[in-house]
Amino acid sequence: MDPARIQFLEAALAANPDDRFARYALAMELSQSTASEGAWKHFEYLLKHHPDYAATYLQAGVYLARRGQSEEARAVLKEGLDVTRNQGEAHAQHELQEALDELDENMK
């Protein structure tokens, strides 16, 4: 986690709250920090306001899985599979399916 990067991204969002790249980057920074609980509000915003932003699904699912929220992670990953299937994003589908398979394996 880079505090200067977080500060920069927060300033970018203050200037443009709907900037999906800045919000995604901030969620990623926060998810890897000791203050990781702050990441979810940004992932959640992206899932609600930018449901076509495919990268969010994988990272939000991984984030939830790391926090022990397996069922929620599973739902996000499955939703991401639907989104990427509709977009024809084979690579993203593959990554999401791998994450889902790993989550299912860990839930056994």
PDB file of N, CA and C in Angstrom:
ATOM      1  N   MET A   1       0.839  -1.175   0.000  1.00  0.00           N
ATOM      2  CA  MET A   1       0.000   0.000   0.000  1.00  0.00           C
ATOM      3  C   MET A   1       0.884   1.238   0.000  1.00  0.00           C
ATOM      4  N   ASP A   2       0.539   2.150  -0.842  1.00  0.00           N
ATOM      5  CA  ASP A   2       1.276   3.401  -0.957  1.00  0.00           C
ATOM      6  C   ASP A   2       0.363   4.546  -0.520  1.00  0.00           C
ATOM      7  N   PRO A   3       0.609   5.146   0.650  1.00  0.00           N
ATOM      8  CA  PRO A   3      -0.266   6.230   1.127  1.00  0.00           C
ATOM      9  C   PRO A   3      -0.391   7.386   0.141  1.00  0.00           C
ATOM     10  N   ALA A   4       0.675   7.712  -0.559  1.00  0.00           N
ATOM     11  CA  ALA A   4       0.614   8.802  -1.544  1.00  0.00           C
ATOM     12  C   ALA A   4      -0.313   8.428  -2.692  1.00  0.00           C
ATOM     13  N   ARG A   5      -0.265   7.173  -3.117  1.00  0.00           N
ATOM     14  CA  ARG A   5      -1.146   6.726  -4.199  1.00  0.00           C
ATOM     15  C   ARG A   5      -2.602   6.751  -3.745  1.00  0.00           C
ATOM     16  N   ILE A   6      -2.847   6.321  -2.513  1.00  0.00           N
ATOM     17  CA  ILE A   6      -4.211   6.360  -1.985  1.00  0.00           C
ATOM     18  C   ILE A   6      -4.706   7.796  -1.928  1.00  0.00           C
ATOM     19  N   GLN A   7      -3.878   8.694  -1.466  1.00  0.00           N
ATOM     20  CA  GLN A   7      -4.257  10.109  -1.392  1.00  0.00           C
ATOM     21  C   GLN A   7      -4.556  10.659  -2.793  1.00  0.00           C
ATOM     22  N   PHE A   8      -3.722  10.314  -3.765  1.00  0.00           N
ATOM     23  CA  PHE A   8      -3.932  10.759  -5.144  1.00  0.00           C
ATOM     24  C   PHE A   8      -5.265  10.234  -5.682  1.00  0.00           C
ATOM     25  N   LEU A   9      -5.536   8.951  -5.456  1.00  0.00           N
ATOM     26  CA  LEU A   9      -6.773   8.345  -5.960  1.00  0.00           C
ATOM     27  C   LEU A   9      -8.002   8.921  -5.268  1.00  0.00           C
ATOM     28  N   GLU A  10      -7.897   9.183  -3.977  1.00  0.00           N
ATOM     29  CA  GLU A  10      -9.009   9.815  -3.264  1.00  0.00           C
ATOM     30  C   GLU A  10      -9.285  11.218  -3.813  1.00  0.00           C
ATOM     31  N   ALA A  11      -8.229  11.953  -4.137  1.00  0.00           N
ATOM     32  CA  ALA A  11      -8.396  13.283  -4.730  1.00  0.00           C
ATOM     33  C   ALA A  11      -9.044  13.175  -6.109  1.00  0.00           C
ATOM     34  N   ALA A  12      -8.631  12.184  -6.880  1.00  0.00           N
ATOM     35  CA  ALA A  12      -9.230  11.970  -8.206  1.00  0.00           C
ATOM     36  C   ALA A  12     -10.717  11.673  -8.082  1.00  0.00           C
ATOM     37  N   LEU A  13     -11.089  10.879  -7.085  1.00  0.00           N
ATOM     38  CA  LEU A  13     -12.507  10.568  -6.884  1.00  0.00           C
ATOM     39  C   LEU A  13     -13.287  11.771  -6.358  1.00  0.00           C
ATOM     40  N   ALA A  14     -12.645  12.597  -5.567  1.00  0.00           N
ATOM     41  CA  ALA A  14     -13.313  13.812  -5.093  1.00  0.00           C
ATOM     42  C   ALA A  14     -13.647  14.711  -6.282  1.00  0.00           C
ATOM     43  N   ALA A  15     -12.756  14.752  -7.248  1.00  0.00           N
ATOM     44  CA  ALA A  15     -12.967  15.574  -8.441  1.00  0.00           C
ATOM     45  C   ALA A  15     -13.979  14.940  -9.394  1.00  0.00           C
ATOM     46  N   ASN A  16     -13.995  13.600  -9.446  1.00  0.00           N
ATOM     47  CA  ASN A  16     -14.902  12.885 -10.348  1.00  0.00           C
ATOM     48  C   ASN A  16     -15.320  11.574  -9.687  1.00  0.00           C
ATOM     49  N   PRO A  17     -16.377  11.613  -8.874  1.00  0.00           N
ATOM     50  CA  PRO A  17     -16.788  10.432  -8.106  1.00  0.00           C
ATOM     51  C   PRO A  17     -17.154   9.212  -8.952  1.00  0.00           C
ATOM     52  N   ASP A  18     -17.440   9.409 -10.218  1.00  0.00           N
ATOM     53  CA  ASP A  18     -17.830   8.291 -11.066  1.00  0.00           C
ATOM     54  C   ASP A  18     -16.674   7.761 -11.914  1.00  0.00           C
ATOM     55  N   ASP A  19     -15.455   8.178 -11.629  1.00  0.00           N
ATOM     56  CA  ASP A  19     -14.273   7.706 -12.365  1.00  0.00           C
ATOM     57  C   ASP A  19     -14.026   6.247 -11.999  1.00  0.00           C
ATOM     58  N   ARG A  20     -14.440   5.349 -12.871  1.00  0.00           N
ATOM     59  CA  ARG A  20     -14.365   3.934 -12.522  1.00  0.00           C
ATOM     60  C   ARG A  20     -12.937   3.416 -12.402  1.00  0.00           C
ATOM     61  N   PHE A  21     -12.019   3.941 -13.188  1.00  0.00           N
ATOM     62  CA  PHE A  21     -10.643   3.469 -13.064  1.00  0.00           C
ATOM     63  C   PHE A  21     -10.028   3.900 -11.736  1.00  0.00           C
ATOM     64  N   ALA A  22     -10.225   5.156 -11.357  1.00  0.00           N
ATOM     65  CA  ALA A  22      -9.684   5.641 -10.083  1.00  0.00           C
ATOM     66  C   ALA A  22     -10.314   4.879  -8.917  1.00  0.00           C
ATOM     67  N   ARG A  23     -11.606   4.613  -9.003  1.00  0.00           N
ATOM     68  CA  ARG A  23     -12.296   3.888  -7.933  1.00  0.00           C
ATOM     69  C   ARG A  23     -11.783   2.448  -7.849  1.00  0.00           C
ATOM     70  N   TYR A  24     -11.587   1.815  -8.996  1.00  0.00           N
ATOM     71  CA  TYR A  24     -11.068   0.449  -9.026  1.00  0.00           C
ATOM     72  C   TYR A  24      -9.641   0.415  -8.456  1.00  0.00           C
ATOM     73  N   ALA A  25      -8.822   1.353  -8.866  1.00  0.00           N
ATOM     74  CA  ALA A  25      -7.441   1.409  -8.379  1.00  0.00           C
ATOM     75  C   ALA A  25      -7.414   1.646  -6.865  1.00  0.00           C
ATOM     76  N   LEU A  26      -8.298   2.494  -6.377  1.00  0.00           N
ATOM     77  CA  LEU A  26      -8.362   2.736  -4.937  1.00  0.00           C
ATOM     78  C   LEU A  26      -8.830   1.485  -4.204  1.00  0.00           C
ATOM     79  N   ALA A  27      -9.819   0.810  -4.727  1.00  0.00           N
ATOM     80  CA  ALA A  27     -10.273  -0.445  -4.108  1.00  0.00           C
ATOM     81  C   ALA A  27      -9.132  -1.450  -4.034  1.00  0.00           C
ATOM     82  N   MET A  28      -8.348  -1.537  -5.096  1.00  0.00           N
ATOM     83  CA  MET A  28      -7.220  -2.475  -5.115  1.00  0.00           C
ATOM     84  C   MET A  28      -6.167  -2.077  -4.080  1.00  0.00           C
ATOM     85  N   GLU A  29      -5.844  -0.796  -4.015  1.00  0.00           N
ATOM     86  CA  GLU A  29      -4.864  -0.326  -3.020  1.00  0.00           C
ATOM     87  C   GLU A  29      -5.344  -0.631  -1.612  1.00  0.00           C
ATOM     88  N   LEU A  30      -6.600  -0.301  -1.339  1.00  0.00           N
ATOM     89  CA  LEU A  30      -7.134  -0.517   0.001  1.00  0.00           C
ATOM     90  C   LEU A  30      -7.240  -2.002   0.337  1.00  0.00           C
ATOM     91  N   SER A  31      -7.572  -2.820  -0.649  1.00  0.00           N
ATOM     92  CA  SER A  31      -7.735  -4.254  -0.384  1.00  0.00           C
ATOM     93  C   SER A  31      -6.423  -4.910   0.025  1.00  0.00           C
ATOM     94  N   GLN A  32      -5.322  -4.283  -0.306  1.00  0.00           N
ATOM     95  CA  GLN A  32      -4.007  -4.830   0.017  1.00  0.00           C
ATOM     96  C   GLN A  32      -3.381  -4.119   1.208  1.00  0.00           C
ATOM     97  N   SER A  33      -4.188  -3.340   1.923  1.00  0.00           N
ATOM     98  CA  SER A  33      -3.664  -2.569   3.043  1.00  0.00           C
ATOM     99  C   SER A  33      -4.208  -3.107   4.363  1.00  0.00           C
ATOM    100  N   THR A  34      -3.729  -2.539   5.444  1.00  0.00           N
ATOM    101  CA  THR A  34      -4.243  -2.911   6.756  1.00  0.00           C
ATOM    102  C   THR A  34      -5.648  -2.360   6.970  1.00  0.00           C
ATOM    103  N   ALA A  35      -6.052  -1.411   6.152  1.00  0.00           N
ATOM    104  CA  ALA A  35      -7.402  -0.844   6.214  1.00  0.00           C
ATOM    105  C   ALA A  35      -8.261  -1.418   5.098  1.00  0.00           C
ATOM    106  N   SER A  36      -8.137  -2.708   4.866  1.00  0.00           N
ATOM    107  CA  SER A  36      -8.777  -3.321   3.700  1.00  0.00           C
ATOM    108  C   SER A  36     -10.297  -3.271   3.722  1.00  0.00           C
ATOM    109  N   GLU A  37     -10.907  -3.100   4.897  1.00  0.00           N
ATOM    110  CA  GLU A  37     -12.372  -3.054   4.935  1.00  0.00           C
ATOM    111  C   GLU A  37     -12.915  -1.878   4.131  1.00  0.00           C
ATOM    112  N   GLY A  38     -12.139  -0.838   3.929  1.00  0.00           N
ATOM    113  CA  GLY A  38     -12.568   0.299   3.127  1.00  0.00           C
ATOM    114  C   GLY A  38     -12.674  -0.016   1.646  1.00  0.00           C
ATOM    115  N   ALA A  39     -12.079  -1.094   1.206  1.00  0.00           N
ATOM    116  CA  ALA A  39     -12.099  -1.456  -0.212  1.00  0.00           C
ATOM    117  C   ALA A  39     -13.499  -1.836  -0.684  1.00  0.00           C
ATOM    118  N   TRP A  40     -14.258  -2.504   0.181  1.00  0.00           N
ATOM    119  CA  TRP A  40     -15.544  -3.035  -0.264  1.00  0.00           C
ATOM    120  C   TRP A  40     -16.483  -1.952  -0.772  1.00  0.00           C
ATOM    121  N   LYS A  41     -16.520  -0.790  -0.124  1.00  0.00           N
ATOM    122  CA  LYS A  41     -17.457   0.246  -0.578  1.00  0.00           C
ATOM    123  C   LYS A  41     -17.164   0.657  -2.023  1.00  0.00           C
ATOM    124  N   HIS A  42     -15.894   0.591  -2.421  1.00  0.00           N
ATOM    125  CA  HIS A  42     -15.540   0.949  -3.794  1.00  0.00           C
ATOM    126  C   HIS A  42     -15.866  -0.182  -4.765  1.00  0.00           C
ATOM    127  N   PHE A  43     -15.601  -1.412  -4.353  1.00  0.00           N
ATOM    128  CA  PHE A  43     -16.006  -2.546  -5.195  1.00  0.00           C
ATOM    129  C   PHE A  43     -17.526  -2.549  -5.365  1.00  0.00           C
ATOM    130  N   GLU A  44     -18.235  -2.340  -4.273  1.00  0.00           N
ATOM    131  CA  GLU A  44     -19.697  -2.351  -4.302  1.00  0.00           C
ATOM    132  C   GLU A  44     -20.237  -1.255  -5.223  1.00  0.00           C
ATOM    133  N   TYR A  45     -19.640  -0.068  -5.142  1.00  0.00           N
ATOM    134  CA  TYR A  45     -20.043   1.033  -6.024  1.00  0.00           C
ATOM    135  C   TYR A  45     -19.873   0.633  -7.492  1.00  0.00           C
ATOM    136  N   LEU A  46     -18.723   0.057  -7.801  1.00  0.00           N
ATOM    137  CA  LEU A  46     -18.459  -0.344  -9.186  1.00  0.00           C
ATOM    138  C   LEU A  46     -19.442  -1.412  -9.657  1.00  0.00           C
ATOM    139  N   LEU A  47     -19.726  -2.384  -8.807  1.00  0.00           N
ATOM    140  CA  LEU A  47     -20.662  -3.442  -9.183  1.00  0.00           C
ATOM    141  C   LEU A  47     -22.050  -2.872  -9.456  1.00  0.00           C
ATOM    142  N   LYS A  48     -22.432  -1.860  -8.685  1.00  0.00           N
ATOM    143  CA  LYS A  48     -23.758  -1.263  -8.851  1.00  0.00           C
ATOM    144  C   LYS A  48     -23.814  -0.272 -10.009  1.00  0.00           C
ATOM    145  N   HIS A  49     -22.811   0.597 -10.109  1.00  0.00           N
ATOM    146  CA  HIS A  49     -22.866   1.698 -11.078  1.00  0.00           C
ATOM    147  C   HIS A  49     -22.147   1.414 -12.403  1.00  0.00           C
ATOM    148  N   HIS A  50     -21.268   0.422 -12.399  1.00  0.00           N
ATOM    149  CA  HIS A  50     -20.527   0.054 -13.612  1.00  0.00           C
ATOM    150  C   HIS A  50     -20.502  -1.472 -13.755  1.00  0.00           C
ATOM    151  N   PRO A  51     -21.682  -2.078 -13.896  1.00  0.00           N
ATOM    152  CA  PRO A  51     -21.733  -3.540 -13.933  1.00  0.00           C
ATOM    153  C   PRO A  51     -21.029  -4.158 -15.142  1.00  0.00           C
ATOM    154  N   ASP A  52     -20.654  -3.345 -16.102  1.00  0.00           N
ATOM    155  CA  ASP A  52     -19.944  -3.848 -17.272  1.00  0.00           C
ATOM    156  C   ASP A  52     -18.427  -3.828 -17.091  1.00  0.00           C
ATOM    157  N   TYR A  53     -17.935  -3.325 -15.973  1.00  0.00           N
ATOM    158  CA  TYR A  53     -16.492  -3.229 -15.705  1.00  0.00           C
ATOM    159  C   TYR A  53     -16.031  -4.576 -15.166  1.00  0.00           C
ATOM    160  N   ALA A  54     -15.666  -5.452 -16.078  1.00  0.00           N
ATOM    161  CA  ALA A  54     -15.433  -6.861 -15.772  1.00  0.00           C
ATOM    162  C   ALA A  54     -14.365  -7.123 -14.725  1.00  0.00           C
ATOM    163  N   ALA A  55     -13.319  -6.329 -14.703  1.00  0.00           N
ATOM    164  CA  ALA A  55     -12.221  -6.575 -13.759  1.00  0.00           C
ATOM    165  C   ALA A  55     -12.697  -6.543 -12.308  1.00  0.00           C
ATOM    166  N   THR A  56     -13.732  -5.779 -12.041  1.00  0.00           N
ATOM    167  CA  THR A  56     -14.236  -5.660 -10.676  1.00  0.00           C
ATOM    168  C   THR A  56     -14.675  -7.006 -10.113  1.00  0.00           C
ATOM    169  N   TYR A  57     -15.301  -7.825 -10.919  1.00  0.00           N
ATOM    170  CA  TYR A  57     -15.867  -9.068 -10.421  1.00  0.00           C
ATOM    171  C   TYR A  57     -14.797 -10.005  -9.862  1.00  0.00           C
ATOM    172  N   LEU A  58     -13.711 -10.149 -10.572  1.00  0.00           N
ATOM    173  CA  LEU A  58     -12.645 -11.032 -10.100  1.00  0.00           C
ATOM    174  C   LEU A  58     -12.053 -10.499  -8.803  1.00  0.00           C
ATOM    175  N   GLN A  59     -11.690  -9.234  -8.790  1.00  0.00           N
ATOM    176  CA  GLN A  59     -11.024  -8.680  -7.617  1.00  0.00           C
ATOM    177  C   GLN A  59     -11.962  -8.578  -6.417  1.00  0.00           C
ATOM    178  N   ALA A  60     -13.218  -8.250  -6.643  1.00  0.00           N
ATOM    179  CA  ALA A  60     -14.184  -8.205  -5.544  1.00  0.00           C
ATOM    180  C   ALA A  60     -14.422  -9.610  -4.994  1.00  0.00           C
ATOM    181  N   GLY A  61     -14.497 -10.595  -5.881  1.00  0.00           N
ATOM    182  CA  GLY A  61     -14.670 -11.976  -5.438  1.00  0.00           C
ATOM    183  C   GLY A  61     -13.489 -12.468  -4.625  1.00  0.00           C
ATOM    184  N   VAL A  62     -12.296 -12.167  -5.082  1.00  0.00           N
ATOM    185  CA  VAL A  62     -11.081 -12.560  -4.359  1.00  0.00           C
ATOM    186  C   VAL A  62     -11.046 -11.863  -2.999  1.00  0.00           C
ATOM    187  N   TYR A  63     -11.389 -10.595  -2.990  1.00  0.00           N
ATOM    188  CA  TYR A  63     -11.413  -9.826  -1.738  1.00  0.00           C
ATOM    189  C   TYR A  63     -12.370 -10.481  -0.731  1.00  0.00           C
ATOM    190  N   LEU A  64     -13.578 -10.786  -1.175  1.00  0.00           N
ATOM    191  CA  LEU A  64     -14.559 -11.406  -0.282  1.00  0.00           C
ATOM    192  C   LEU A  64     -14.096 -12.776   0.198  1.00  0.00           C
ATOM    193  N   ALA A  65     -13.516 -13.543  -0.681  1.00  0.00           N
ATOM    194  CA  ALA A  65     -13.022 -14.874  -0.304  1.00  0.00           C
ATOM    195  C   ALA A  65     -11.940 -14.766   0.763  1.00  0.00           C
ATOM    196  N   ARG A  66     -11.024 -13.810   0.598  1.00  0.00           N
ATOM    197  CA  ARG A  66      -9.966 -13.615   1.600  1.00  0.00           C
ATOM    198  C   ARG A  66     -10.532 -13.237   2.957  1.00  0.00           C
ATOM    199  N   ARG A  67     -11.682 -12.596   2.957  1.00  0.00           N
ATOM    200  CA  ARG A  67     -12.317 -12.190   4.215  1.00  0.00           C
ATOM    201  C   ARG A  67     -13.217 -13.287   4.778  1.00  0.00           C
ATOM    202  N   GLY A  68     -13.230 -14.446   4.131  1.00  0.00           N
ATOM    203  CA  GLY A  68     -14.031 -15.562   4.621  1.00  0.00           C
ATOM    204  C   GLY A  68     -15.493 -15.501   4.233  1.00  0.00           C
ATOM    205  N   GLN A  69     -15.836 -14.621   3.306  1.00  0.00           N
ATOM    206  CA  GLN A  69     -17.214 -14.477   2.854  1.00  0.00           C
ATOM    207  C   GLN A  69     -17.400 -15.277   1.561  1.00  0.00           C
ATOM    208  N   SER A  70     -17.310 -16.583   1.709  1.00  0.00           N
ATOM    209  CA  SER A  70     -17.281 -17.478   0.550  1.00  0.00           C
ATOM    210  C   SER A  70     -18.542 -17.430  -0.297  1.00  0.00           C
ATOM    211  N   GLU A  71     -19.689 -17.420   0.324  1.00  0.00           N
ATOM    212  CA  GLU A  71     -20.936 -17.404  -0.452  1.00  0.00           C
ATOM    213  C   GLU A  71     -21.088 -16.102  -1.235  1.00  0.00           C
ATOM    214  N   GLU A  72     -20.735 -14.994  -0.598  1.00  0.00           N
ATOM    215  CA  GLU A  72     -20.799 -13.708  -1.280  1.00  0.00           C
ATOM    216  C   GLU A  72     -19.794 -13.667  -2.430  1.00  0.00           C
ATOM    217  N   ALA A  73     -18.604 -14.205  -2.179  1.00  0.00           N
ATOM    218  CA  ALA A  73     -17.577 -14.265  -3.224  1.00  0.00           C
ATOM    219  C   ALA A  73     -18.067 -15.086  -4.403  1.00  0.00           C
ATOM    220  N   ARG A  74     -18.669 -16.205  -4.091  1.00  0.00           N
ATOM    221  CA  ARG A  74     -19.197 -17.099  -5.141  1.00  0.00           C
ATOM    222  C   ARG A  74     -20.224 -16.367  -6.002  1.00  0.00           C
ATOM    223  N   ALA A  75     -21.120 -15.631  -5.364  1.00  0.00           N
ATOM    224  CA  ALA A  75     -22.166 -14.905  -6.099  1.00  0.00           C
ATOM    225  C   ALA A  75     -21.556 -13.847  -7.015  1.00  0.00           C
ATOM    226  N   VAL A  76     -20.562 -13.131  -6.531  1.00  0.00           N
ATOM    227  CA  VAL A  76     -19.913 -12.090  -7.338  1.00  0.00           C
ATOM    228  C   VAL A  76     -19.179 -12.722  -8.514  1.00  0.00           C
ATOM    229  N   LEU A  77     -18.469 -13.794  -8.270  1.00  0.00           N
ATOM    230  CA  LEU A  77     -17.733 -14.459  -9.356  1.00  0.00           C
ATOM    231  C   LEU A  77     -18.689 -15.001 -10.412  1.00  0.00           C
ATOM    232  N   LYS A  78     -19.802 -15.591  -9.985  1.00  0.00           N
ATOM    233  CA  LYS A  78     -20.787 -16.110 -10.947  1.00  0.00           C
ATOM    234  C   LYS A  78     -21.410 -14.987 -11.765  1.00  0.00           C
ATOM    235  N   GLU A  79     -21.702 -13.874 -11.107  1.00  0.00           N
ATOM    236  CA  GLU A  79     -22.244 -12.727 -11.835  1.00  0.00           C
ATOM    237  C   GLU A  79     -21.226 -12.234 -12.862  1.00  0.00           C
ATOM    238  N   GLY A  80     -19.964 -12.208 -12.469  1.00  0.00           N
ATOM    239  CA  GLY A  80     -18.903 -11.818 -13.395  1.00  0.00           C
ATOM    240  C   GLY A  80     -18.812 -12.741 -14.593  1.00  0.00           C
ATOM    241  N   LEU A  81     -19.026 -14.032 -14.365  1.00  0.00           N
ATOM    242  CA  LEU A  81     -19.028 -14.971 -15.492  1.00  0.00           C
ATOM    243  C   LEU A  81     -20.126 -14.625 -16.485  1.00  0.00           C
ATOM    244  N   ASP A  82     -21.302 -14.291 -15.986  1.00  0.00           N
ATOM    245  CA  ASP A  82     -22.401 -13.904 -16.875  1.00  0.00           C
ATOM    246  C   ASP A  82     -22.056 -12.638 -17.663  1.00  0.00           C
ATOM    247  N   VAL A  83     -21.500 -11.658 -16.969  1.00  0.00           N
ATOM    248  CA  VAL A  83     -21.153 -10.385 -17.618  1.00  0.00           C
ATOM    249  C   VAL A  83     -20.114 -10.616 -18.711  1.00  0.00           C
ATOM    250  N   THR A  84     -19.059 -11.339 -18.382  1.00  0.00           N
ATOM    251  CA  THR A  84     -17.989 -11.541 -19.364  1.00  0.00           C
ATOM    252  C   THR A  84     -18.428 -12.459 -20.506  1.00  0.00           C
ATOM    253  N   ARG A  85     -19.327 -13.365 -20.218  1.00  0.00           N
ATOM    254  CA  ARG A  85     -19.870 -14.213 -21.296  1.00  0.00           C
ATOM    255  C   ARG A  85     -20.630 -13.338 -22.290  1.00  0.00           C
ATOM    256  N   ASN A  86     -21.434 -12.418 -21.759  1.00  0.00           N
ATOM    257  CA  ASN A  86     -22.196 -11.509 -22.626  1.00  0.00           C
ATOM    258  C   ASN A  86     -21.296 -10.558 -23.399  1.00  0.00           C
ATOM    259  N   GLN A  87     -20.133 -10.239 -22.840  1.00  0.00           N
ATOM    260  CA  GLN A  87     -19.181  -9.343 -23.501  1.00  0.00           C
ATOM    261  C   GLN A  87     -18.262 -10.098 -24.460  1.00  0.00           C
ATOM    262  N   GLY A  88     -18.280 -11.420 -24.417  1.00  0.00           N
ATOM    263  CA  GLY A  88     -17.380 -12.208 -25.253  1.00  0.00           C
ATOM    264  C   GLY A  88     -15.942 -12.140 -24.784  1.00  0.00           C
ATOM    265  N   GLU A  89     -15.733 -11.926 -23.494  1.00  0.00           N
ATOM    266  CA  GLU A  89     -14.393 -11.798 -22.905  1.00  0.00           C
ATOM    267  C   GLU A  89     -13.908 -13.160 -22.410  1.00  0.00           C
ATOM    268  N   ALA A  90     -13.358 -13.948 -23.300  1.00  0.00           N
ATOM    269  CA  ALA A  90     -12.950 -15.315 -22.963  1.00  0.00           C
ATOM    270  C   ALA A  90     -11.863 -15.353 -21.888  1.00  0.00           C
ATOM    271  N   HIS A  91     -10.890 -14.459 -21.965  1.00  0.00           N
ATOM    272  CA  HIS A  91      -9.806 -14.475 -20.989  1.00  0.00           C
ATOM    273  C   HIS A  91     -10.345 -14.169 -19.587  1.00  0.00           C
ATOM    274  N   ALA A  92     -11.191 -13.161 -19.480  1.00  0.00           N
ATOM    275  CA  ALA A  92     -11.776 -12.807 -18.185  1.00  0.00           C
ATOM    276  C   ALA A  92     -12.653 -13.943 -17.663  1.00  0.00           C
ATOM    277  N   GLN A  93     -13.399 -14.594 -18.560  1.00  0.00           N
ATOM    278  CA  GLN A  93     -14.217 -15.744 -18.158  1.00  0.00           C
ATOM    279  C   GLN A  93     -13.345 -16.839 -17.561  1.00  0.00           C
ATOM    280  N   HIS A  94     -12.238 -17.099 -18.200  1.00  0.00           N
ATOM    281  CA  HIS A  94     -11.314 -18.133 -17.734  1.00  0.00           C
ATOM    282  C   HIS A  94     -10.794 -17.800 -16.331  1.00  0.00           C
ATOM    283  N   GLU A  95     -10.385 -16.556 -16.131  1.00  0.00           N
ATOM    284  CA  GLU A  95      -9.876 -16.148 -14.814  1.00  0.00           C
ATOM    285  C   GLU A  95     -10.952 -16.256 -13.743  1.00  0.00           C
ATOM    286  N   LEU A  96     -12.158 -15.830 -14.062  1.00  0.00           N
ATOM    287  CA  LEU A  96     -13.259 -15.921 -13.113  1.00  0.00           C
ATOM    288  C   LEU A  96     -13.588 -17.377 -12.791  1.00  0.00           C
ATOM    289  N   GLN A  97     -13.587 -18.231 -13.811  1.00  0.00           N
ATOM    290  CA  GLN A  97     -13.886 -19.645 -13.584  1.00  0.00           C
ATOM    291  C   GLN A  97     -12.809 -20.291 -12.718  1.00  0.00           C
ATOM    292  N   GLU A  98     -11.551 -19.947 -12.945  1.00  0.00           N
ATOM    293  CA  GLU A  98     -10.471 -20.477 -12.108  1.00  0.00           C
ATOM    294  C   GLU A  98     -10.645 -20.046 -10.652  1.00  0.00           C
ATOM    295  N   ALA A  99     -10.990 -18.793 -10.447  1.00  0.00           N
ATOM    296  CA  ALA A  99     -11.204 -18.301  -9.081  1.00  0.00           C
ATOM    297  C   ALA A  99     -12.387 -19.003  -8.429  1.00  0.00           C
ATOM    298  N   LEU A 100     -13.449 -19.225  -9.189  1.00  0.00           N
ATOM    299  CA  LEU A 100     -14.624 -19.919  -8.677  1.00  0.00           C
ATOM    300  C   LEU A 100     -14.292 -21.369  -8.340  1.00  0.00           C
ATOM    301  N   ASP A 101     -13.549 -22.024  -9.220  1.00  0.00           N
ATOM    302  CA  ASP A 101     -13.147 -23.415  -8.970  1.00  0.00           C
ATOM    303  C   ASP A 101     -12.284 -23.512  -7.714  1.00  0.00           C
ATOM    304  N   GLU A 102     -11.362 -22.565  -7.554  1.00  0.00           N
ATOM    305  CA  GLU A 102     -10.485 -22.565  -6.373  1.00  0.00           C
ATOM    306  C   GLU A 102     -11.306 -22.324  -5.107  1.00  0.00           C
ATOM    307  N   LEU A 103     -12.258 -21.405  -5.190  1.00  0.00           N
ATOM    308  CA  LEU A 103     -13.113 -21.137  -4.042  1.00  0.00           C
ATOM    309  C   LEU A 103     -13.924 -22.384  -3.682  1.00  0.00           C
ATOM    310  N   ASP A 104     -14.505 -23.035  -4.681  1.00  0.00           N
ATOM    311  CA  ASP A 104     -15.277 -24.251  -4.437  1.00  0.00           C
ATOM    312  C   ASP A 104     -14.418 -25.339  -3.813  1.00  0.00           C
ATOM    313  N   GLU A 105     -13.196 -25.457  -4.288  1.00  0.00           N
ATOM    314  CA  GLU A 105     -12.271 -26.459  -3.741  1.00  0.00           C
ATOM    315  C   GLU A 105     -11.950 -26.151  -2.272  1.00  0.00           C
ATOM    316  N   ASN A 106     -11.763 -24.898  -1.964  1.00  0.00           N
ATOM    317  CA  ASN A 106     -11.452 -24.505  -0.584  1.00  0.00           C
ATOM    318  C   ASN A 106     -12.648 -24.627   0.338  1.00  0.00           C
ATOM    319  N   MET A 107     -13.848 -24.645  -0.221  1.00  0.00           N
ATOM    320  CA  MET A 107     -15.061 -24.758   0.589  1.00  0.00           C
ATOM    321  C   MET A 107     -15.372 -26.211   0.961  1.00  0.00           C
ATOM    322  N   LYS A 108     -14.699 -27.142   0.333  1.00  0.00           N
ATOM    323  CA  LYS A 108     -14.951 -28.573   0.605  1.00  0.00           C
ATOM    324  C   LYS A 108     -14.428 -28.975   1.948  1.00  0.00           C
TER     325      LYS A 108
END
